[in-house]
Amino acid sequence: TALFILAVTCSLFANAQGHVVFKGSILMANSTNAEVSMIVTDGVDTMDVMIGRHGQYNFAVPANEIVSVIVTSENHITKEIKLDTHNAPEAKGPFARTAQVEFYVELEPQSTTQPMMYSGLAGSIYFAPQGEGVRTMIVPTPQPKNMLVSNTFTAAL
């Protein structure tokens, strides 16, 4: 995990090719300055993303990877977004810039009486080839919220 984080950090500072930079903000209605956690994982390695004071984030994902971004906060419904960096445009030349994608995540309040969760991904971002260029596709995937199953049992005495 440390090598994964080190590689991503070094490539950002060197403006290295072969990465896509994702940035944006976490939005919360009726925010009470709740702490937000964002992790990026490929199923093997996991990276914690630092969230700024006003919910801003910025992280890089290597090209040709598929990762999940999981955003959680106490008293809010967890969201998962899939990022696929296959087909991302390559930075070429001495003044080339790494591809950047901006997206925002809105966390909804969790009900205290009927806890809910999403039944699938909240969205996905991928690069679709289109003629000579590449088009970034940001696809929200509306999912029904399902009630969480309670682990509490009541016994009659």
Protein backbone atom coordinates (compact mmCIF):
# COMPACT_ATOMS: atom_id res chain seq x y z
CA THR A 1 0.00 0.00 0.00
CA ALA A 2 2.82 2.37 0.86
CA LEU A 3 4.41 1.81 -2.56
CA PHE A 4 1.09 2.51 -4.29
CA ILE A 5 0.71 5.82 -2.43
CA LEU A 6 4.37 6.75 -3.01
CA ALA A 7 4.10 6.03 -6.76
CA VAL A 8 0.97 8.14 -7.13
CA THR A 9 2.43 11.02 -5.09
CA CYS A 10 5.75 11.05 -6.96
CA SER A 11 4.02 11.00 -10.33
CA LEU A 12 1.85 13.97 -9.38
CA PHE A 13 4.88 16.04 -8.42
CA ALA A 14 6.74 15.07 -11.57
CA ASN A 15 3.63 15.54 -13.72
CA ALA A 16 4.36 12.06 -14.99
CA GLN A 17 2.45 10.45 -17.79
CA GLY A 18 0.25 7.46 -17.24
CA HIS A 19 -2.15 8.81 -14.61
CA VAL A 20 -5.54 10.45 -14.47
CA VAL A 21 -6.15 13.09 -11.80
CA PHE A 22 -9.59 13.15 -10.21
CA LYS A 23 -10.72 16.17 -8.22
CA GLY A 24 -13.89 17.71 -6.87
CA SER A 25 -15.81 18.18 -3.64
CA ILE A 26 -17.98 16.26 -1.23
CA LEU A 27 -21.37 17.94 -0.85
CA MET A 28 -23.62 17.39 2.18
CA ALA A 29 -27.01 19.01 2.74
CA ASN A 30 -27.45 20.37 6.26
CA SER A 31 -23.79 19.69 6.90
CA THR A 32 -22.72 19.63 10.51
CA ASN A 33 -19.02 19.55 9.61
CA ALA A 34 -19.12 15.76 9.82
CA GLU A 35 -15.84 13.99 9.09
CA VAL A 36 -15.76 12.37 5.65
CA SER A 37 -13.69 9.36 4.62
CA MET A 38 -12.79 8.64 1.00
CA ILE A 39 -10.83 5.55 0.04
CA VAL A 40 -9.69 4.40 -3.39
CA THR A 41 -9.15 0.67 -3.85
CA ASP A 42 -8.39 -1.73 -6.66
CA GLY A 43 -9.38 -4.68 -4.47
CA VAL A 44 -5.79 -5.28 -3.35
CA ASP A 45 -4.30 -1.90 -2.43
CA THR A 46 -6.19 0.87 -0.65
CA MET A 47 -5.40 4.59 -0.53
CA ASP A 48 -6.96 7.09 1.89
CA VAL A 49 -7.72 10.39 0.17
CA MET A 50 -7.28 13.57 2.17
CA ILE A 51 -10.44 15.67 2.24
CA GLY A 52 -9.91 19.43 2.46
CA ARG A 53 -11.59 21.81 4.86
CA HIS A 54 -14.47 22.53 2.47
CA GLY A 55 -14.80 18.97 1.17
CA GLN A 56 -12.28 19.23 -1.68
CA TYR A 57 -10.30 16.21 -2.79
CA ASN A 58 -7.61 15.47 -5.37
CA PHE A 59 -6.05 12.09 -6.19
CA ALA A 60 -4.48 10.22 -9.10
CA VAL A 61 -5.21 6.78 -10.54
CA PRO A 62 -2.76 4.98 -12.85
CA ALA A 63 -3.83 4.59 -16.48
CA ASN A 64 -5.49 1.33 -17.49
CA GLU A 65 -6.87 0.61 -14.01
CA ILE A 66 -10.32 0.04 -12.57
CA VAL A 67 -10.79 1.24 -8.99
CA SER A 68 -13.63 1.90 -6.58
CA VAL A 69 -14.02 5.12 -4.62
CA ILE A 70 -15.94 4.65 -1.38
CA VAL A 71 -17.19 7.75 0.43
CA THR A 72 -18.51 7.48 3.98
CA SER A 73 -19.51 9.82 6.77
CA GLU A 74 -21.26 9.25 10.06
CA ASN A 75 -25.04 9.67 9.76
CA HIS A 76 -24.85 9.68 5.92
CA ILE A 77 -25.49 6.98 3.31
CA THR A 78 -22.26 5.47 1.92
CA LYS A 79 -21.65 5.83 -1.82
CA GLU A 80 -19.39 3.85 -4.16
CA ILE A 81 -18.21 5.11 -7.56
CA LYS A 82 -16.30 3.04 -10.12
CA LEU A 83 -13.44 4.73 -12.03
CA ASP A 84 -12.06 3.11 -15.19
CA THR A 85 -8.96 4.79 -16.63
CA HIS A 86 -8.68 2.56 -19.70
CA ASN A 87 -8.69 4.68 -22.90
CA ALA A 88 -7.65 7.82 -20.98
CA PRO A 89 -5.82 10.29 -23.24
CA GLU A 90 -2.05 10.03 -23.01
CA ALA A 91 0.03 13.07 -22.10
CA LYS A 92 2.71 13.56 -24.76
CA GLY A 93 5.49 16.09 -25.20
CA PRO A 94 7.52 18.18 -22.76
CA PHE A 95 4.58 20.42 -21.79
CA ALA A 96 1.96 17.67 -21.66
CA ARG A 97 -0.52 17.69 -18.83
CA THR A 98 -2.05 14.70 -17.13
CA ALA A 99 -5.74 14.06 -17.89
CA GLN A 100 -8.02 15.57 -15.23
CA VAL A 101 -11.60 14.70 -14.38
CA GLU A 102 -13.73 16.74 -11.99
CA PHE A 103 -16.70 15.19 -10.20
CA TYR A 104 -18.73 15.89 -7.08
CA VAL A 105 -20.22 13.44 -4.58
CA GLU A 106 -23.34 14.35 -2.62
CA LEU A 107 -23.85 12.44 0.61
CA GLU A 108 -27.43 12.14 1.79
CA PRO A 109 -28.42 12.03 5.46
CA GLN A 110 -28.98 8.59 6.96
CA SER A 111 -32.33 8.02 8.65
CA THR A 112 -32.03 7.05 12.31
CA THR A 113 -35.35 5.18 12.24
CA GLN A 114 -34.95 3.33 8.92
CA PRO A 115 -31.24 2.97 7.99
CA MET A 116 -30.73 2.81 4.23
CA MET A 117 -28.00 1.76 1.79
CA TYR A 118 -27.61 1.80 -1.99
CA SER A 119 -28.16 -1.50 -3.77
CA GLY A 120 -25.28 -0.82 -6.18
CA LEU A 121 -22.85 1.76 -7.52
CA ALA A 122 -23.79 5.42 -7.22
CA GLY A 123 -22.02 6.08 -10.52
CA SER A 124 -19.11 5.32 -12.79
CA ILE A 125 -16.59 7.34 -14.76
CA TYR A 126 -14.84 5.97 -17.83
CA PHE A 127 -13.21 7.15 -21.06
CA ALA A 128 -14.98 6.25 -24.31
CA PRO A 129 -13.05 6.49 -27.60
CA GLN A 130 -14.80 8.78 -30.06
CA GLY A 131 -13.17 9.33 -33.43
CA GLU A 132 -9.76 10.96 -32.98
CA GLY A 133 -10.41 12.07 -29.40
CA VAL A 134 -11.52 10.59 -26.14
CA ARG A 135 -14.67 11.55 -24.32
CA THR A 136 -15.05 11.27 -20.55
CA MET A 137 -18.30 9.64 -19.55
CA ILE A 138 -19.68 10.38 -16.09
CA VAL A 139 -22.64 8.12 -15.60
CA PRO A 140 -24.79 8.36 -12.48
CA THR A 141 -26.46 5.04 -11.80
CA PRO A 142 -29.60 5.70 -9.78
CA GLN A 143 -30.07 2.85 -7.34
CA PRO A 144 -32.91 2.21 -4.96
CA LYS A 145 -32.04 2.61 -1.33
CA ASN A 146 -32.65 -0.56 0.64
CA MET A 147 -33.31 -0.79 4.33
CA LEU A 148 -30.40 -2.28 6.24
CA VAL A 149 -31.16 -5.55 7.97
CA SER A 150 -31.01 -5.17 11.73
CA ASN A 151 -28.84 -7.57 13.73
CA THR A 152 -31.00 -7.01 16.79
CA PHE A 153 -33.41 -9.71 17.90
CA THR A 154 -36.14 -9.33 20.50
CA ALA A 155 -37.06 -12.29 22.70
CA ALA A 156 -40.26 -12.56 24.70
CA LEU A 157 -39.63 -13.45 28.33
